[in-house]
Amino acid sequence: MKYIVSLVFFCSFLLSQDDSIKIYWNSLSTAATVGVPIADDESLEGGRIQVKVSFDQGKNFNDLGDKFTIEGNDIDDLKEVSISQELFESSTGFAEGGIAQFIAQVWDRAGNSTTGSVSDSVLNIDQTLPESVSLVLTSSNTINPNMVMPGDSITFQFSTNENILAPLFIINGEEYENAVGLGKSWMFIYFSDEADDGPINFKVVYKDLAGNPGIIISEASDSKIITMDGTEPELSEVTLLTSNEFDSTLAIKGDTVFLNFNSSEKVTDINILLNYTEAIIHKESELEFTYYHIFTESDSEGVIPIEVNYKDLAGNIGELVEETSNDSEVSYDMTPPAEFKVEKIGSIKSDAQKIDITDENQSASNNKRSKESLSTIMLGVIIVSGFTLFMVWVSWYKIFSKAGQSGWKAFVPLLNIFTFTKIVDKPVWWSIIYIILPIGYILSALHISKAFDKKILFSVGLIILPFIFFPLLAFGKSSFSN
């Protein structure tokens, strides 16, 4: 692309050479100068010079003002004669678009005279100011044509009613002279990386080939304003709550979880996952949003993860949100309380007497309940441990795959530890540390969290709740970046 632009500029330069060597009388001219060579002749000192002008291709020449006296220092030199604006413009035949040709008649002191040849140079009369025909601004931003962000550009397309010299673009106080074009049509591309946030202010300064300045342009023909936005949007007051009538941090099947948040500016392309399911918009104002999700049997139990992706109207991508502003969480629970049997039955008499139960029966009943409670607790521990081991076992297979290792290596003792040191970029002798419990377990969780660019809270989650956070790491969108 840059070679094409350079070629256009070079061709424009070549085609404009004939105009650039012309001499103009324009709207800014205050005097015309005519250089008359004076010979090395002492008799010319005290002589006179009469400058004449013709506007009809040399057919008729008229005197331009009074005669000028030849001074001693003019001998053997070029005497510049100055003709005032009033005198020149009042000459017979002076008109817009005309061409002035000059000759001079020289007298010596004795009165002998010689009329010189017509000058090769002519003065082209052009006092008409150029005018802007159109100025079109185009943003390269594919999301919003009225905005730019870092990496975007603005194309200025400028056209006039006559040929002009390369225009000067002044954008946000900086001058740019590298516009490309030819004659009446010019283009300039402005890259917005260094621009401050806010409307892009500009001025287009231009003049025609004669040097007549046009009216400075500071607004597009269609009044379009392009605004720079280089600031990423931010979310605040991110909160979670449920419709559960007993506890707004808990949910059961059929309950609804709501995610509320505020934005620092208008945002678009909002994508929210609640418990890995795309959330539905519930309420939206200019900068306040509420999304929701209704729990079903397909939802996984435990603390539900959240993920909020978004960008502003210019396309700046906001920071991924994976936790609430107040660190609040919502847990989904589909597991009912453990089964039990009512063991104590009584009847309240009218005299408020209680059923008499012997100490022996009471003691036997208490022992039975204790044994059943202990069995229930042990069964729960076994189930939770087995579930945790299974989830972590499956997750490590996926984590090894994400890290570029064969997943089956996660199931081979010692080989899995050796492979893990490669994944987290540790020396082989670290395998000994990873075997030591509980230090090795804690360090391995911290290292694998760092390898996937997770924060310290996520590392704590890996240590305390491995059956939740290892699947999040394995089957979520997290990518290996070590």
Protein backbone atom coordinates (compact mmCIF):
# COMPACT_ATOMS: atom_id res chain seq x y z
CA MET A 1 0.00 0.00 0.00
CA LYS A 2 2.76 2.47 0.90
CA TYR A 3 4.37 1.95 -2.52
CA ILE A 4 1.09 2.77 -4.28
CA VAL A 5 0.73 5.96 -2.23
CA SER A 6 4.32 6.94 -3.04
CA LEU A 7 3.73 6.32 -6.75
CA VAL A 8 0.60 8.49 -6.72
CA PHE A 9 2.49 11.26 -4.96
CA PHE A 10 5.39 11.06 -7.43
CA CYS A 11 3.05 11.20 -10.44
CA SER A 12 1.26 14.14 -8.84
CA PHE A 13 4.57 15.92 -8.43
CA LEU A 14 5.60 15.37 -12.06
CA LEU A 15 2.24 16.50 -13.43
CA SER A 16 2.28 19.66 -11.35
CA GLN A 17 5.74 20.86 -12.44
CA ASP A 18 4.42 23.06 -15.26
CA ASP A 19 2.20 24.91 -12.80
CA SER A 20 4.83 25.15 -10.08
CA ILE A 21 7.24 27.17 -12.30
CA LYS A 22 4.63 29.75 -13.19
CA ILE A 23 4.76 33.20 -11.62
CA TYR A 24 1.44 34.44 -10.30
CA TRP A 25 -0.20 37.69 -9.33
CA ASN A 26 -2.61 36.57 -6.62
CA SER A 27 -4.92 38.02 -3.98
CA LEU A 28 -1.96 38.47 -1.61
CA SER A 29 0.30 40.31 -4.04
CA THR A 30 1.25 43.88 -3.10
CA ALA A 31 3.76 44.75 -5.84
CA ALA A 32 5.19 43.47 -9.11
CA THR A 33 8.96 43.51 -9.64
CA VAL A 34 10.70 43.75 -13.00
CA GLY A 35 14.44 43.18 -13.28
CA VAL A 36 16.11 45.39 -15.92
CA PRO A 37 19.77 44.60 -16.72
CA ILE A 38 21.94 47.81 -16.91
CA ALA A 39 25.00 47.61 -19.14
CA ASP A 40 28.51 48.60 -18.06
CA ASP A 41 28.19 52.04 -19.59
CA GLU A 42 28.97 55.23 -17.61
CA SER A 43 26.66 57.20 -19.87
CA LEU A 44 23.68 55.33 -18.41
CA GLU A 45 24.21 56.87 -14.95
CA GLY A 46 21.48 59.47 -14.54
CA GLY A 47 19.52 57.91 -17.37
CA ARG A 48 15.98 56.60 -17.12
CA ILE A 49 13.95 53.35 -17.33
CA GLN A 50 10.35 53.01 -18.46
CA VAL A 51 8.65 49.66 -17.72
CA LYS A 52 5.83 48.68 -20.05
CA VAL A 53 3.20 45.93 -19.79
CA SER A 54 1.01 44.09 -22.29
CA PHE A 55 -2.11 41.98 -21.58
CA ASP A 56 -2.79 41.09 -25.26
CA GLN A 57 0.12 38.74 -25.99
CA GLY A 58 2.52 41.59 -26.81
CA LYS A 59 0.40 43.44 -29.36
CA ASN A 60 0.21 46.62 -27.29
CA PHE A 61 2.43 47.74 -24.41
CA ASN A 62 1.41 50.43 -21.94
CA ASP A 63 3.64 52.43 -19.62
CA LEU A 64 3.61 51.30 -16.01
CA GLY A 65 3.87 54.50 -14.00
CA ASP A 66 6.68 57.08 -14.23
CA LYS A 67 10.23 56.56 -15.39
CA PHE A 68 12.84 55.34 -12.92
CA THR A 69 16.27 56.99 -12.60
CA ILE A 70 19.41 54.90 -13.12
CA GLU A 71 21.78 55.31 -10.17
CA GLY A 72 25.52 54.80 -10.17
CA ASN A 73 25.31 51.52 -8.31
CA ASP A 74 22.90 50.19 -10.96
CA ILE A 75 25.63 50.17 -13.64
CA ASP A 76 26.59 46.65 -14.73
CA ASP A 77 23.91 45.16 -12.50
CA LEU A 78 20.26 44.15 -12.48
CA LYS A 79 18.01 46.98 -11.39
CA GLU A 80 14.79 45.80 -9.83
CA VAL A 81 11.88 48.10 -10.54
CA SER A 82 8.88 47.77 -8.23
CA ILE A 83 5.34 48.42 -9.50
CA SER A 84 2.73 48.98 -6.79
CA GLN A 85 -0.45 46.93 -6.57
CA GLU A 86 -2.68 49.92 -7.31
CA LEU A 87 -0.67 50.91 -10.37
CA PHE A 88 -0.45 47.37 -11.79
CA GLU A 89 -4.11 46.45 -11.26
CA SER A 90 -5.27 49.76 -12.81
CA SER A 91 -3.37 49.06 -16.04
CA THR A 92 -5.42 48.77 -19.23
CA GLY A 93 -6.21 45.12 -19.93
CA PHE A 94 -5.66 43.83 -16.38
CA ALA A 95 -8.18 41.04 -15.75
CA GLU A 96 -8.58 37.77 -13.89
CA GLY A 97 -6.96 34.95 -15.85
CA GLY A 98 -4.85 37.36 -17.89
CA ILE A 99 -1.15 37.09 -18.67
CA ALA A 100 1.14 40.09 -18.24
CA GLN A 101 4.26 40.44 -20.47
CA PHE A 102 6.90 43.07 -19.74
CA ILE A 103 9.47 45.09 -21.68
CA ALA A 104 11.58 48.09 -20.67
CA GLN A 105 12.93 51.16 -22.52
CA VAL A 106 16.26 52.58 -21.32
CA TRP A 107 17.64 56.15 -21.94
CA ASP A 108 21.18 57.35 -21.32
CA ARG A 109 21.91 60.82 -19.96
CA ALA A 110 21.99 62.29 -23.46
CA GLY A 111 18.53 60.98 -24.30
CA ASN A 112 19.47 58.05 -26.51
CA SER A 113 17.10 55.13 -25.91
CA THR A 114 16.86 51.40 -26.51
CA THR A 115 13.81 49.17 -26.05
CA GLY A 116 14.61 45.68 -24.78
CA SER A 117 13.12 42.38 -25.84
CA VAL A 118 10.00 40.94 -24.25
CA SER A 119 10.79 39.07 -21.06
CA ASP A 120 10.66 35.28 -21.19
CA SER A 121 8.87 35.35 -17.83
CA VAL A 122 5.22 36.28 -17.66
CA LEU A 123 2.97 37.11 -14.75
CA ASN A 124 -0.21 35.00 -14.56
CA ILE A 125 -3.12 36.83 -12.94
CA ASP A 126 -5.13 34.62 -10.58
CA GLN A 127 -6.80 36.36 -7.64
CA THR A 128 -9.73 33.94 -7.25
CA LEU A 129 -9.70 32.12 -3.91
CA PRO A 130 -10.05 28.34 -4.11
CA GLU A 131 -13.13 26.80 -2.48
CA SER A 132 -13.71 23.48 -0.77
CA VAL A 133 -16.15 21.22 -2.56
CA SER A 134 -16.25 18.40 -0.04
CA LEU A 135 -14.41 16.94 2.92
CA VAL A 136 -15.35 13.36 3.79
CA LEU A 137 -14.12 11.59 6.92
CA THR A 138 -14.05 7.78 7.05
CA SER A 139 -13.12 5.73 10.12
CA SER A 140 -11.59 2.28 9.72
CA ASN A 141 -13.45 1.12 12.83
CA THR A 142 -15.72 -1.74 11.75
CA ILE A 143 -17.99 -1.47 14.79
CA ASN A 144 -18.80 2.23 14.89
CA PRO A 145 -18.09 4.53 11.89
CA ASN A 146 -18.16 7.55 14.20
CA MET A 147 -15.38 6.31 16.49
CA VAL A 148 -11.78 5.17 16.44
CA MET A 149 -9.68 3.21 18.89
CA PRO A 150 -5.93 2.43 19.02
CA GLY A 151 -5.00 0.72 15.75
CA ASP A 152 -7.72 2.48 13.75
CA SER A 153 -7.27 5.28 11.23
CA ILE A 154 -9.24 8.17 9.73
CA THR A 155 -9.16 8.85 6.00
CA PHE A 156 -9.65 12.50 4.97
CA GLN A 157 -10.83 12.89 1.35
CA PHE A 158 -10.65 16.54 0.32
CA SER A 159 -11.72 18.07 -3.01
CA THR A 160 -11.76 21.67 -4.29
CA ASN A 161 -13.15 23.62 -7.22
CA GLU A 162 -9.69 24.15 -8.74
CA ASN A 163 -6.22 22.69 -8.60
CA ILE A 164 -4.43 23.30 -5.32
CA LEU A 165 -1.05 22.65 -3.79
CA ALA A 166 -0.75 19.81 -1.26
CA PRO A 167 -2.98 20.84 1.68
CA LEU A 168 -1.78 21.01 5.28
CA PHE A 169 -3.74 18.96 7.84
CA ILE A 170 -3.60 20.12 11.45
CA ILE A 171 -5.03 17.34 13.65
CA ASN A 172 -5.24 17.72 17.42
CA GLY A 173 -2.56 20.41 17.20
CA GLU A 174 -0.09 18.36 15.11
CA GLU A 175 0.75 19.39 11.53
CA TYR A 176 0.85 16.84 8.70
CA GLU A 177 2.11 17.78 5.22
CA ASN A 178 2.16 14.34 3.59
CA ALA A 179 -1.24 14.38 1.91
CA VAL A 180 -1.32 12.64 -1.46
CA GLY A 181 -3.39 13.57 -4.46
CA LEU A 182 -3.50 15.47 -7.70
CA GLY A 183 -5.09 18.75 -8.72
CA LYS A 184 -8.50 19.00 -7.10
CA SER A 185 -8.57 15.74 -5.13
CA TRP A 186 -6.39 14.95 -2.11
CA MET A 187 -6.31 12.28 0.56
CA PHE A 188 -4.68 11.97 3.97
CA ILE A 189 -4.71 8.99 6.35
CA TYR A 190 -4.41 9.77 10.06
CA PHE A 191 -3.50 6.96 12.46
CA SER A 192 -5.20 7.45 15.80
CA ASP A 193 -2.82 5.58 18.12
CA GLU A 194 -1.44 8.74 19.77
CA ALA A 195 -4.72 10.68 19.90
CA ASP A 196 -6.31 11.61 23.21
CA ASP A 197 -9.81 10.48 24.04
CA GLY A 198 -12.51 12.78 22.70
CA PRO A 199 -13.55 14.29 19.36
CA ILE A 200 -10.81 14.47 16.70
CA ASN A 201 -10.28 18.18 15.99
CA PHE A 202 -8.77 19.19 12.68
CA LYS A 203 -8.11 22.03 10.25
CA VAL A 204 -7.37 21.84 6.53
CA VAL A 205 -5.21 24.71 5.27
CA TYR A 206 -4.89 24.97 1.50
CA LYS A 207 -4.08 27.35 -1.35
CA ASP A 208 -4.31 27.22 -5.10
CA LEU A 209 -1.37 27.07 -7.51
CA ALA A 210 -1.25 30.87 -7.55
CA GLY A 211 -0.91 30.94 -3.76
CA ASN A 212 -4.44 32.22 -3.05
CA PRO A 213 -5.48 30.83 0.35
CA GLY A 214 -8.81 29.07 0.70
CA ILE A 215 -11.06 29.34 3.74
CA ILE A 216 -9.72 27.01 6.42
CA ILE A 217 -11.90 23.89 6.79
CA SER A 218 -12.56 22.55 10.29
CA GLU A 219 -15.71 20.52 9.74
CA ALA A 220 -16.67 17.65 7.44
CA SER A 221 -19.15 18.36 4.67
CA ASP A 222 -21.78 16.24 6.41
CA SER A 223 -20.80 17.60 9.87
CA LYS A 224 -19.59 14.14 10.85
CA ILE A 225 -17.54 14.02 14.05
CA ILE A 226 -15.22 11.11 14.79
CA THR A 227 -14.41 10.46 18.44
CA MET A 228 -11.32 8.74 19.80
CA ASP A 229 -11.88 6.13 22.52
CA GLY A 230 -8.73 4.47 23.75
CA THR A 231 -10.02 3.60 27.23
CA GLU A 232 -11.15 0.08 28.03
CA PRO A 233 -14.60 -0.18 29.64
CA GLU A 234 -14.82 -1.29 33.27
CA LEU A 235 -17.55 -3.03 35.24
CA SER A 236 -18.36 -2.21 38.87
CA GLU A 237 -20.80 -3.33 41.55
CA VAL A 238 -20.86 -6.85 40.17
CA THR A 239 -23.19 -8.83 42.48
CA LEU A 240 -24.93 -12.21 42.56
CA LEU A 241 -28.14 -13.20 44.30
CA THR A 242 -30.83 -15.82 43.88
CA SER A 243 -34.59 -16.03 44.16
CA ASN A 244 -34.29 -18.61 46.96
CA GLU A 245 -36.75 -17.61 49.70
CA PHE A 246 -34.49 -18.82 52.49
CA ASP A 247 -30.98 -17.74 51.48
CA SER A 248 -30.10 -15.48 48.51
CA THR A 249 -26.63 -17.08 48.26
CA LEU A 250 -28.08 -20.57 47.72
CA ALA A 251 -30.20 -22.07 44.98
CA ILE A 252 -32.08 -25.27 44.28
CA LYS A 253 -33.65 -26.60 41.11
CA GLY A 254 -36.09 -24.03 39.70
CA ASP A 255 -34.46 -21.07 41.48
CA THR A 256 -33.10 -18.13 39.49
CA VAL A 257 -29.68 -16.54 39.88
CA PHE A 258 -29.31 -12.85 39.00
CA LEU A 259 -26.09 -11.09 38.00
CA ASN A 260 -26.14 -7.29 38.38
CA PHE A 261 -23.41 -4.87 37.31
CA ASN A 262 -22.73 -1.28 36.24
CA SER A 263 -20.54 -0.18 33.35
CA SER A 264 -18.23 2.84 33.15
CA GLU A 265 -19.50 3.55 29.61
CA LYS A 266 -21.87 2.14 27.03
CA VAL A 267 -20.95 -1.45 26.16
CA THR A 268 -21.98 -3.96 23.54
CA ASP A 269 -21.42 -7.61 22.55
CA ILE A 270 -22.09 -8.66 26.14
CA ASN A 271 -21.70 -12.40 26.68
CA ILE A 272 -22.32 -13.79 30.16
CA LEU A 273 -21.96 -17.37 31.38
CA LEU A 274 -23.56 -18.40 34.65
CA ASN A 275 -22.58 -21.92 35.67
CA TYR A 276 -21.27 -22.44 32.08
CA THR A 277 -24.65 -21.53 30.60
CA GLU A 278 -25.29 -18.37 28.56
CA ALA A 279 -27.32 -15.97 30.69
CA ILE A 280 -30.42 -14.10 29.53
CA ILE A 281 -30.88 -10.34 29.71
CA HIS A 282 -33.43 -9.37 32.35
CA LYS A 283 -33.11 -5.61 32.63
CA GLU A 284 -30.94 -3.03 30.90
CA SER A 285 -30.61 0.72 31.19
CA GLU A 286 -27.84 2.92 29.79
CA LEU A 287 -25.14 1.73 32.19
CA GLU A 288 -26.92 -0.78 34.47
CA PHE A 289 -27.53 -4.43 33.57
CA THR A 290 -29.18 -7.52 35.06
CA TYR A 291 -28.83 -11.02 33.61
CA TYR A 292 -30.34 -14.26 34.92
CA HIS A 293 -30.25 -18.06 34.69
CA ILE A 294 -32.81 -20.62 35.92
CA PHE A 295 -31.27 -23.73 37.45
CA THR A 296 -32.15 -27.14 36.03
CA GLU A 297 -31.03 -30.73 36.56
CA SER A 298 -28.28 -30.24 33.96
CA ASP A 299 -26.53 -27.64 36.13
CA SER A 300 -23.57 -28.79 38.19
CA GLU A 301 -23.69 -28.43 41.94
CA GLY A 302 -21.39 -26.25 43.96
CA VAL A 303 -20.24 -22.65 43.72
CA ILE A 304 -21.31 -21.46 40.28
CA PRO A 305 -18.61 -19.81 38.13
CA ILE A 306 -19.32 -16.59 36.27
CA GLU A 307 -17.77 -15.12 33.15
CA VAL A 308 -18.54 -11.69 31.67
CA ASN A 309 -17.16 -10.68 28.25
CA TYR A 310 -17.90 -7.24 26.78
CA LYS A 311 -16.49 -4.30 24.81
CA ASP A 312 -17.35 -0.64 24.34
CA LEU A 313 -18.88 1.01 21.29
CA ALA A 314 -15.44 1.63 19.77
CA GLY A 315 -14.41 -2.00 20.14
CA ASN A 316 -12.14 -1.74 23.20
CA ILE A 317 -12.38 -5.11 24.97
CA GLY A 318 -13.00 -4.90 28.71
CA GLU A 319 -11.18 -7.05 31.25
CA LEU A 320 -12.76 -10.48 31.70
CA VAL A 321 -14.85 -10.58 34.88
CA GLU A 322 -14.86 -13.89 36.77
CA GLU A 323 -15.75 -12.78 40.28
CA THR A 324 -18.07 -10.35 42.01
CA SER A 325 -17.05 -6.97 43.40
CA ASN A 326 -17.78 -8.02 46.99
CA ASP A 327 -16.45 -11.59 46.57
CA SER A 328 -19.97 -12.94 47.03
CA GLU A 329 -20.81 -16.38 45.65
CA VAL A 330 -23.86 -18.45 44.86
CA SER A 331 -23.97 -22.22 45.46
CA TYR A 332 -26.29 -24.59 43.66
CA ASP A 333 -27.52 -27.51 45.80
CA MET A 334 -29.67 -30.35 44.45
CA THR A 335 -28.81 -32.81 47.24
CA PRO A 336 -31.62 -33.28 49.83
CA PRO A 337 -30.83 -34.03 53.51
CA ALA A 338 -29.87 -37.61 54.42
CA GLU A 339 -32.70 -40.08 55.04
CA PHE A 340 -33.74 -40.64 58.62
CA LYS A 341 -36.44 -42.31 60.75
CA VAL A 342 -38.39 -40.68 63.51
CA GLU A 343 -37.52 -42.51 66.72
CA LYS A 344 -39.15 -40.69 69.59
CA ILE A 345 -42.89 -40.44 69.80
CA GLY A 346 -44.70 -38.81 72.66
CA SER A 347 -48.03 -37.46 73.70
CA ILE A 348 -48.57 -34.28 75.62
CA LYS A 349 -51.26 -34.74 78.24
CA SER A 350 -53.64 -32.06 79.31
CA ASP A 351 -51.74 -31.79 82.57
CA ALA A 352 -48.56 -31.18 80.55
CA GLN A 353 -47.00 -34.49 81.69
CA LYS A 354 -44.37 -36.01 79.41
CA ILE A 355 -44.18 -39.64 78.38
CA ASP A 356 -42.12 -41.60 80.83
CA ILE A 357 -39.14 -43.23 79.19
CA THR A 358 -36.78 -45.40 81.19
CA ASP A 359 -33.09 -44.56 81.38
CA GLU A 360 -32.22 -47.88 79.81
CA ASN A 361 -34.39 -47.35 76.73
CA GLN A 362 -33.13 -43.77 76.41
CA SER A 363 -29.50 -44.89 76.52
CA ALA A 364 -30.05 -47.61 73.90
CA SER A 365 -31.77 -45.17 71.60
CA ASN A 366 -28.93 -42.66 71.94
CA ASN A 367 -26.32 -45.33 71.11
CA LYS A 368 -28.26 -46.40 68.05
CA ARG A 369 -28.51 -42.84 66.78
CA SER A 370 -24.80 -42.26 67.35
CA LYS A 371 -23.87 -45.36 65.35
CA GLU A 372 -26.18 -44.40 62.49
CA SER A 373 -24.82 -40.83 62.45
CA LEU A 374 -21.23 -42.08 62.35
CA SER A 375 -22.05 -44.45 59.51
CA THR A 376 -23.69 -41.63 57.58
CA ILE A 377 -20.67 -39.37 58.10
CA MET A 378 -18.21 -42.06 56.99
CA LEU A 379 -20.31 -42.82 53.91
CA GLY A 380 -20.41 -39.11 53.06
CA VAL A 381 -16.62 -38.83 53.46
CA ILE A 382 -16.09 -41.82 51.15
CA ILE A 383 -18.47 -40.42 48.52
CA VAL A 384 -16.94 -36.94 48.59
CA SER A 385 -13.40 -38.31 48.51
CA GLY A 386 -14.20 -40.61 45.63
CA PHE A 387 -15.95 -37.86 43.71
CA THR A 388 -13.05 -35.45 44.32
CA LEU A 389 -10.48 -38.05 43.24
CA PHE A 390 -12.44 -38.84 40.08
CA MET A 391 -12.93 -35.17 39.09
CA VAL A 392 -9.26 -34.30 39.71
CA TRP A 393 -8.16 -37.48 37.89
CA VAL A 394 -10.19 -36.62 34.78
CA SER A 395 -9.17 -32.93 34.98
CA TRP A 396 -5.45 -33.73 35.00
CA TYR A 397 -5.89 -35.67 31.76
CA LYS A 398 -7.33 -32.52 30.11
CA ILE A 399 -4.78 -30.18 31.76
CA PHE A 400 -1.87 -32.27 30.43
CA SER A 401 -3.42 -32.11 26.95
CA LYS A 402 -3.81 -28.31 27.13
CA ALA A 403 -0.16 -28.04 28.16
CA GLY A 404 0.94 -29.96 25.05
CA GLN A 405 1.56 -33.31 26.82
CA SER A 406 -0.14 -36.63 26.22
CA GLY A 407 -3.12 -36.93 28.56
CA TRP A 408 -2.41 -40.58 29.48
CA LYS A 409 0.82 -39.52 31.22
CA ALA A 410 -1.32 -38.06 34.01
CA PHE A 411 -2.34 -41.59 35.08
CA VAL A 412 1.16 -43.15 35.24
CA PRO A 413 2.79 -42.84 38.71
CA LEU A 414 6.11 -40.98 38.84
CA LEU A 415 5.90 -40.30 35.08
CA ASN A 416 3.04 -37.90 35.77
CA ILE A 417 5.15 -36.02 38.35
CA PHE A 418 8.14 -35.90 36.00
CA THR A 419 5.92 -34.57 33.17
CA PHE A 420 4.37 -32.02 35.54
CA THR A 421 7.80 -30.45 36.21
CA LYS A 422 8.11 -29.85 32.45
CA ILE A 423 4.66 -28.24 32.27
CA VAL A 424 5.37 -25.78 35.10
CA ASP A 425 8.96 -25.24 33.89
CA LYS A 426 10.67 -26.60 37.03
CA PRO A 427 13.86 -28.68 37.33
CA VAL A 428 13.44 -32.48 37.52
CA TRP A 429 14.53 -32.57 41.16
CA TRP A 430 11.31 -30.73 42.04
CA SER A 431 9.61 -34.12 41.61
CA ILE A 432 10.82 -34.97 45.14
CA ILE A 433 9.15 -31.84 46.57
CA TYR A 434 5.86 -32.58 44.83
CA ILE A 435 5.75 -36.03 46.49
CA ILE A 436 5.91 -34.47 49.99
CA LEU A 437 2.42 -33.92 51.44
CA PRO A 438 0.87 -31.49 52.00
CA ILE A 439 3.62 -29.09 50.78
CA GLY A 440 3.90 -30.70 47.35
CA TYR A 441 0.14 -30.59 46.82
CA ILE A 442 -0.04 -26.87 47.71
CA LEU A 443 2.97 -25.95 45.54
CA SER A 444 1.67 -27.93 42.56
CA ALA A 445 -1.69 -26.11 42.78
CA LEU A 446 0.06 -22.73 42.89
CA HIS A 447 2.34 -23.59 39.96
CA ILE A 448 -0.38 -24.96 37.66
CA SER A 449 -2.57 -21.91 38.45
CA LYS A 450 0.28 -19.60 37.47
CA ALA A 451 0.86 -21.57 34.25
CA PHE A 452 -2.72 -20.78 33.23
CA ASP A 453 -2.50 -17.06 34.26
CA LYS A 454 -4.95 -17.43 37.15
CA LYS A 455 -5.14 -15.15 40.18
CA ILE A 456 -4.28 -16.11 43.77
CA LEU A 457 -7.97 -16.63 44.66
CA PHE A 458 -8.19 -19.30 41.97
CA SER A 459 -5.04 -20.95 43.40
CA VAL A 460 -6.70 -21.09 46.84
CA GLY A 461 -9.74 -22.65 45.17
CA LEU A 462 -7.54 -25.38 43.65
CA ILE A 463 -6.18 -26.19 47.12
CA ILE A 464 -9.44 -26.07 49.12
CA LEU A 465 -12.04 -27.14 46.53
CA PRO A 466 -10.14 -29.22 43.95
CA PHE A 467 -13.27 -31.00 42.70
CA ILE A 468 -14.64 -27.63 41.53
CA PHE A 469 -11.63 -25.61 40.43
CA PHE A 470 -9.65 -28.34 38.62
CA PRO A 471 -12.61 -29.04 36.27
CA LEU A 472 -12.94 -25.26 35.76
CA LEU A 473 -9.30 -25.11 34.73
CA ALA A 474 -9.49 -28.25 32.56
CA PHE A 475 -12.78 -27.79 30.76
CA GLY A 476 -13.15 -24.00 30.86
CA LYS A 477 -11.77 -21.46 28.39
CA SER A 478 -8.47 -21.10 30.24
CA SER A 479 -5.43 -21.60 28.03
CA PHE A 480 -1.90 -22.66 28.89
CA SER A 481 0.50 -19.70 28.74
CA ASN A 482 3.65 -20.81 30.55
